């Protein structure tokens, strides 16, 4: 057999092997783990989590200073985030207050930064092409990026909740809680509801995460993708406050964000919570599909 024939036969075998080779599930898990490590080791991610952890600390210290003379935490006028007037009686309410304070901007902004940089950041750094050389393919890589972003939603929310719980335990008493309905529940049940609220808040952020991931597939500039996602967040928040747009507002991803407060009712009021989770699922389905369609057809030059 001549050298040319041997090379031709070897090449055919290589093409055949490449065609039938499938990504190993363990390799997929390794890709996800590697992506998580890369994301959470970045200084930008650490800084975002640090800012989120600092917000409950600042709120707790401010309330402690304001109420040292026995005055009300909300100044007697009912101002401030939900549950703020209850913090001096029970530090666990700092968890609910911190989540209510960070949810309109700080938490979704952090999600927007991570989601916007997911694909565009790789393209801007010139590493996207090398990631696609692996046998995962574009779909599996996009799913890995999506899973990492959703994981960050959960981690960021738990960082706020854990920081608030620690500060609340240090600065204020803990014990039985009074629900919005006026009933009393044990501290253990209140702690369970706090954890459930954190999960609901994390799920409420998946809509903006999917939107940011889609935006990230539209450009090769990570900064542009992050700025666009945060800009859309601010725009939607403003539109959600305009009374003339009341017919459209139930379809904005942020409209039901604060419905987690209904978990502090006895019995729990589920209507708005179900609407919120359903709306986030719709955003994930629509913009996740749009991100896949765009990324699958995207010309990778970097």
Protein backbone atom coordinates (compact mmCIF):
# COMPACT_ATOMS: atom_id res chain seq x y z
CA UNK A 1 0.00 0.00 0.00
CA UNK A 2 1.36 3.39 -0.99
CA UNK A 3 1.80 6.25 1.47
CA UNK A 4 -0.98 8.22 -0.21
CA UNK A 5 -3.40 5.31 0.10
CA UNK A 6 -2.43 4.77 3.74
CA UNK A 7 -2.98 8.44 4.58
CA UNK A 8 -6.31 8.40 2.76
CA UNK A 9 -7.47 5.32 4.67
CA UNK A 10 -6.25 6.73 8.00
CA UNK A 11 -8.01 10.00 7.32
CA UNK A 12 -11.24 8.17 6.57
CA UNK A 13 -11.00 6.30 9.85
CA UNK A 14 -10.39 9.53 11.72
CA UNK A 15 -13.42 11.15 10.12
CA UNK A 16 -15.53 8.10 10.96
CA UNK A 17 -14.31 8.08 14.58
CA UNK A 18 -15.04 11.78 14.92
CA UNK A 19 -18.52 11.32 13.50
CA UNK A 20 -19.51 8.57 15.95
CA UNK A 21 -17.72 9.93 19.01
CA UNK A 22 -20.09 11.31 21.59
CA UNK A 23 -19.32 13.51 24.59
CA UNK A 24 -18.90 11.54 27.78
CA UNK A 25 -21.35 12.58 30.55
CA UNK A 26 -18.41 12.73 32.95
CA UNK A 27 -16.69 15.10 30.54
CA UNK A 28 -19.85 17.24 30.55
CA UNK A 29 -19.82 17.40 34.34
CA UNK A 30 -16.13 18.30 34.19
CA UNK A 31 -16.92 21.15 31.80
CA UNK A 32 -19.61 22.43 34.15
CA UNK A 33 -17.29 22.17 37.16
CA UNK A 34 -14.52 23.95 35.27
CA UNK A 35 -16.92 26.72 34.26
CA UNK A 36 -18.09 27.13 37.86
CA UNK A 37 -14.53 27.34 39.14
CA UNK A 38 -13.56 29.83 36.45
CA UNK A 39 -16.60 32.02 37.11
CA UNK A 40 -16.32 32.13 40.89
CA UNK A 41 -12.55 32.67 40.88
CA UNK A 42 -12.79 35.85 38.83
CA UNK A 43 -12.17 39.03 40.78
CA UNK A 44 -15.29 40.55 39.24
CA UNK A 45 -17.46 37.75 40.63
CA UNK A 46 -15.83 37.97 44.05
CA UNK A 47 -16.36 41.74 44.08
CA UNK A 48 -20.05 41.36 43.16
CA UNK A 49 -20.62 38.81 45.92
CA UNK A 50 -18.73 41.05 48.35
CA UNK A 51 -21.01 43.99 47.56
CA UNK A 52 -24.09 41.81 47.97
CA UNK A 53 -22.82 40.54 51.33
CA UNK A 54 -22.11 44.11 52.47
CA UNK A 55 -25.67 45.37 51.89
CA UNK A 56 -27.24 43.46 54.84
CA UNK A 57 -24.33 44.53 57.04
CA UNK A 58 -24.94 48.19 56.24
CA UNK A 59 -28.70 47.83 56.74
CA UNK A 60 -28.25 46.06 60.09
CA UNK A 61 -25.75 48.62 61.41
CA UNK A 62 -27.91 51.53 60.23
CA UNK A 63 -31.00 50.11 61.96
CA UNK A 64 -29.02 49.37 65.14
CA UNK A 65 -27.78 52.97 65.29
CA UNK A 66 -31.18 54.44 64.46
CA UNK A 67 -33.03 52.40 67.08
CA UNK A 68 -30.56 52.67 69.96
CA UNK A 69 -32.79 55.34 71.55
CA UNK A 70 -35.87 53.12 71.24
CA UNK A 71 -37.29 54.76 68.09
CA UNK A 72 -38.87 52.78 65.26
CA UNK A 73 -36.63 51.37 62.55
CA UNK A 74 -38.77 52.91 59.80
CA UNK A 75 -38.79 56.33 61.41
CA UNK A 76 -42.41 55.99 62.38
CA UNK A 77 -43.57 56.74 58.86
CA UNK A 78 -43.56 53.29 57.34
CA UNK A 79 -40.68 54.05 54.97
CA UNK A 80 -38.06 51.54 53.91
CA UNK A 81 -38.07 48.00 52.61
CA UNK A 82 -40.65 45.47 53.71
CA UNK A 83 -40.27 44.00 57.24
CA UNK A 84 -37.82 46.73 58.31
CA UNK A 85 -39.91 47.73 61.33
CA UNK A 86 -39.75 44.15 62.67
CA UNK A 87 -35.98 43.77 62.66
CA UNK A 88 -35.43 45.14 66.17
CA UNK A 89 -37.83 42.52 67.54
CA UNK A 90 -36.35 39.61 65.57
CA UNK A 91 -33.09 39.58 63.64
CA UNK A 92 -34.46 37.01 61.19
CA UNK A 93 -36.48 39.80 59.59
CA UNK A 94 -33.18 41.26 58.39
CA UNK A 95 -33.05 38.40 55.88
CA UNK A 96 -36.39 39.40 54.38
CA UNK A 97 -35.47 43.10 54.45
CA UNK A 98 -32.09 42.54 52.80
CA UNK A 99 -33.63 40.46 50.01
CA UNK A 100 -36.32 43.11 49.46
CA UNK A 101 -33.65 45.83 49.36
CA UNK A 102 -31.29 44.04 46.96
CA UNK A 103 -33.85 42.46 44.63
CA UNK A 104 -34.88 45.58 42.67
CA UNK A 105 -31.32 46.39 41.53
CA UNK A 106 -28.26 44.88 43.24
CA UNK A 107 -29.07 41.19 42.75
CA UNK A 108 -30.35 41.45 39.15
CA UNK A 109 -27.45 43.75 38.23
CA UNK A 110 -24.98 41.12 39.43
CA UNK A 111 -26.86 38.46 37.46
CA UNK A 112 -26.86 40.70 34.39
CA UNK A 113 -23.09 41.12 34.58
CA UNK A 114 -22.43 37.37 34.81
CA UNK A 115 -25.00 36.42 32.15
CA UNK A 116 -23.96 39.17 29.75
CA UNK A 117 -20.33 38.08 29.94
CA UNK A 118 -21.04 34.35 29.54
CA UNK A 119 -20.60 34.07 25.76
CA UNK A 120 -19.50 37.55 24.72
CA UNK A 121 -16.69 37.54 27.27
CA UNK A 122 -15.26 34.33 25.83
CA UNK A 123 -15.46 35.75 22.31
CA UNK A 124 -13.80 38.97 23.42
CA UNK A 125 -10.99 37.06 25.14
CA UNK A 126 -10.49 34.85 22.09
CA UNK A 127 -11.24 31.60 23.96
CA UNK A 128 -14.65 30.77 22.52
CA UNK A 129 -13.24 29.01 19.46
CA UNK A 130 -11.01 26.81 21.62
CA UNK A 131 -13.95 25.81 23.84
CA UNK A 132 -15.85 24.66 20.76
CA UNK A 133 -12.97 22.42 19.68
CA UNK A 134 -13.95 20.03 22.49
CA UNK A 135 -16.55 17.36 21.62
CA UNK A 136 -19.34 19.08 23.57
CA UNK A 137 -20.56 21.19 20.68
CA UNK A 138 -22.34 24.52 20.80
CA UNK A 139 -25.54 23.27 22.42
CA UNK A 140 -23.80 21.61 25.34
CA UNK A 141 -21.50 24.59 25.83
CA UNK A 142 -24.48 26.95 25.89
CA UNK A 143 -26.28 24.70 28.39
CA UNK A 144 -23.17 24.71 30.57
CA UNK A 145 -23.05 28.50 30.47
CA UNK A 146 -26.75 28.63 31.29
CA UNK A 147 -26.39 26.23 34.22
CA UNK A 148 -23.47 28.24 35.57
CA UNK A 149 -25.48 31.47 35.36
CA UNK A 150 -28.47 29.89 37.11
CA UNK A 151 -26.12 28.57 39.80
CA UNK A 152 -24.84 32.09 40.33
CA UNK A 153 -28.45 33.25 40.81
CA UNK A 154 -28.76 30.82 43.71
CA UNK A 155 -25.33 31.54 45.20
CA UNK A 156 -25.79 35.32 45.04
CA UNK A 157 -29.18 35.09 46.77
CA UNK A 158 -27.86 32.77 49.48
CA UNK A 159 -24.91 35.12 50.09
CA UNK A 160 -27.35 37.95 50.83
CA UNK A 161 -29.51 35.73 53.03
CA UNK A 162 -26.56 34.23 54.95
CA UNK A 163 -24.97 37.63 55.54
CA UNK A 164 -28.29 39.03 56.75
CA UNK A 165 -28.88 36.07 59.06
CA UNK A 166 -25.41 36.40 60.61
CA UNK A 167 -25.76 40.16 61.14
CA UNK A 168 -29.32 39.80 62.44
CA UNK A 169 -28.20 37.18 64.98
CA UNK A 170 -25.32 39.39 66.15
CA UNK A 171 -27.19 42.69 66.48
CA UNK A 172 -30.78 41.71 67.32
CA UNK A 173 -32.66 39.07 69.31
CA UNK A 174 -33.98 35.90 67.70
CA UNK A 175 -37.13 33.99 68.53
CA UNK A 176 -40.71 33.45 67.41
CA UNK A 177 -41.90 35.46 64.43
CA UNK A 178 -45.12 37.32 63.79
CA UNK A 179 -46.34 36.78 60.24
CA UNK A 180 -47.98 39.42 58.06
CA UNK A 181 -51.30 37.80 58.97
CA UNK A 182 -50.60 38.39 62.66
CA UNK A 183 -50.09 34.76 63.65
CA UNK A 184 -47.05 33.51 65.55
CA UNK A 185 -44.69 30.87 64.18
CA UNK A 186 -41.64 29.25 65.72
CA UNK A 187 -38.11 30.36 64.91
CA UNK A 188 -37.43 27.03 63.19
CA UNK A 189 -40.44 27.50 60.91
CA UNK A 190 -39.41 31.08 60.27
CA UNK A 191 -35.93 29.91 59.32
CA UNK A 192 -37.46 27.39 56.93
CA UNK A 193 -39.58 30.10 55.35
CA UNK A 194 -36.50 32.30 55.02
CA UNK A 195 -34.74 29.54 53.10
CA UNK A 196 -37.80 29.03 50.90
CA UNK A 197 -37.94 32.78 50.24
CA UNK A 198 -34.28 32.71 49.18
CA UNK A 199 -35.05 29.92 46.71
CA UNK A 200 -38.01 31.86 45.31
CA UNK A 201 -35.89 34.99 44.91
CA UNK A 202 -33.20 32.97 43.12
CA UNK A 203 -35.85 31.52 40.78
CA UNK A 204 -37.20 35.03 40.19
CA UNK A 205 -33.80 36.04 38.78
CA UNK A 206 -33.72 33.33 36.12
CA UNK A 207 -35.71 35.50 33.69
CA UNK A 208 -33.11 38.28 33.62
CA UNK A 209 -30.39 35.59 33.49
CA UNK A 210 -31.89 34.07 30.32
CA UNK A 211 -32.30 37.52 28.79
CA UNK A 212 -28.68 38.37 29.56
CA UNK A 213 -27.48 35.10 28.06
CA UNK A 214 -29.36 35.85 24.86
CA UNK A 215 -27.86 39.34 24.68
CA UNK A 216 -24.44 37.75 25.22
CA UNK A 217 -24.85 35.73 22.01
CA UNK A 218 -25.52 38.86 19.96
CA UNK A 219 -22.13 40.52 20.39
CA UNK A 220 -18.45 39.74 20.83
CA UNK A 221 -18.00 42.47 23.43
CA UNK A 222 -18.51 41.42 27.04
CA UNK A 223 -18.80 45.02 28.23
CA UNK A 224 -21.47 45.78 25.62
CA UNK A 225 -23.46 42.69 26.59
CA UNK A 226 -23.27 43.50 30.30
CA UNK A 227 -24.21 47.15 29.74
CA UNK A 228 -27.13 46.19 27.51
CA UNK A 229 -28.48 43.69 30.02
CA UNK A 230 -28.23 46.14 32.92
CA UNK A 231 -29.76 48.84 30.71
CA UNK A 232 -32.72 46.59 29.92
CA UNK A 233 -33.09 45.87 33.64
CA UNK A 234 -33.27 49.58 34.49
CA UNK A 235 -35.65 50.27 31.60
CA UNK A 236 -38.06 47.52 32.62
CA UNK A 237 -37.96 48.69 36.24
CA UNK A 238 -38.91 52.21 35.14
CA UNK A 239 -41.68 51.02 32.83
CA UNK A 240 -43.07 48.87 35.65
CA UNK A 241 -43.73 52.05 37.65
CA UNK A 242 -45.71 53.90 34.94
CA UNK A 243 -49.47 53.57 35.66
CA UNK A 244 -50.42 53.98 31.99
CA UNK A 245 -48.65 50.69 31.20
CA UNK A 246 -50.63 48.62 33.71
CA UNK A 247 -51.85 46.29 30.95
CA UNK A 248 -48.27 45.36 30.01
CA UNK A 249 -46.71 45.31 33.47
CA UNK A 250 -47.79 41.76 34.41
CA UNK A 251 -45.55 40.54 31.57
CA UNK A 252 -42.42 42.34 32.80
CA UNK A 253 -39.96 39.93 34.42
CA UNK A 254 -39.66 42.17 37.50
CA UNK A 255 -43.37 42.71 38.12
CA UNK A 256 -43.87 39.93 40.69
CA UNK A 257 -40.40 39.96 42.24
CA UNK A 258 -41.57 41.14 45.65
CA UNK A 259 -44.33 38.55 45.82
CA UNK A 260 -42.01 36.46 48.02
CA UNK A 261 -43.45 38.44 50.94
CA UNK A 262 -46.60 36.32 50.58
CA UNK A 263 -44.61 33.41 52.02
CA UNK A 264 -44.77 35.27 55.32
CA UNK A 265 -48.57 35.07 55.37
CA UNK A 266 -50.46 32.40 57.28
CA UNK A 267 -51.77 30.68 55.26
CA UNK A 268 -49.38 31.38 52.39
CA UNK A 269 -50.88 33.38 49.52
CA UNK A 270 -49.73 31.50 46.40
CA UNK A 271 -51.36 33.36 43.48
CA UNK A 272 -48.65 35.96 42.78
CA UNK A 273 -45.90 33.48 43.61
CA UNK A 274 -47.19 31.07 40.97
CA UNK A 275 -47.49 33.94 38.47
CA UNK A 276 -43.92 34.99 39.19
CA UNK A 277 -42.45 31.51 38.77
CA UNK A 278 -44.53 30.88 35.65
CA UNK A 279 -43.40 34.18 34.12
CA UNK A 280 -39.75 33.42 34.83
CA UNK A 281 -40.18 29.99 33.24
CA UNK A 282 -41.64 31.65 30.16
CA UNK A 283 -38.69 34.06 29.91
CA UNK A 284 -36.22 31.20 30.31
CA UNK A 285 -37.97 29.18 27.58
CA UNK A 286 -38.27 32.07 25.12
CA UNK A 287 -34.87 33.72 25.55
CA UNK A 288 -33.10 30.41 26.16
CA UNK A 289 -34.41 29.16 22.82
CA UNK A 290 -33.48 32.45 21.17
CA UNK A 291 -29.97 32.20 22.60
CA UNK A 292 -29.63 28.64 21.29
CA UNK A 293 -30.88 29.63 17.82
CA UNK A 294 -28.50 32.56 17.66
CA UNK A 295 -25.49 30.72 19.06
CA UNK A 296 -26.03 27.68 16.82
CA UNK A 297 -25.86 29.88 13.73
CA UNK A 298 -23.25 32.31 15.04
CA UNK A 299 -20.05 32.71 13.03
CA UNK A 300 -17.29 32.14 15.58
CA UNK A 301 -14.27 34.22 14.63
CA UNK A 302 -12.63 34.51 18.05
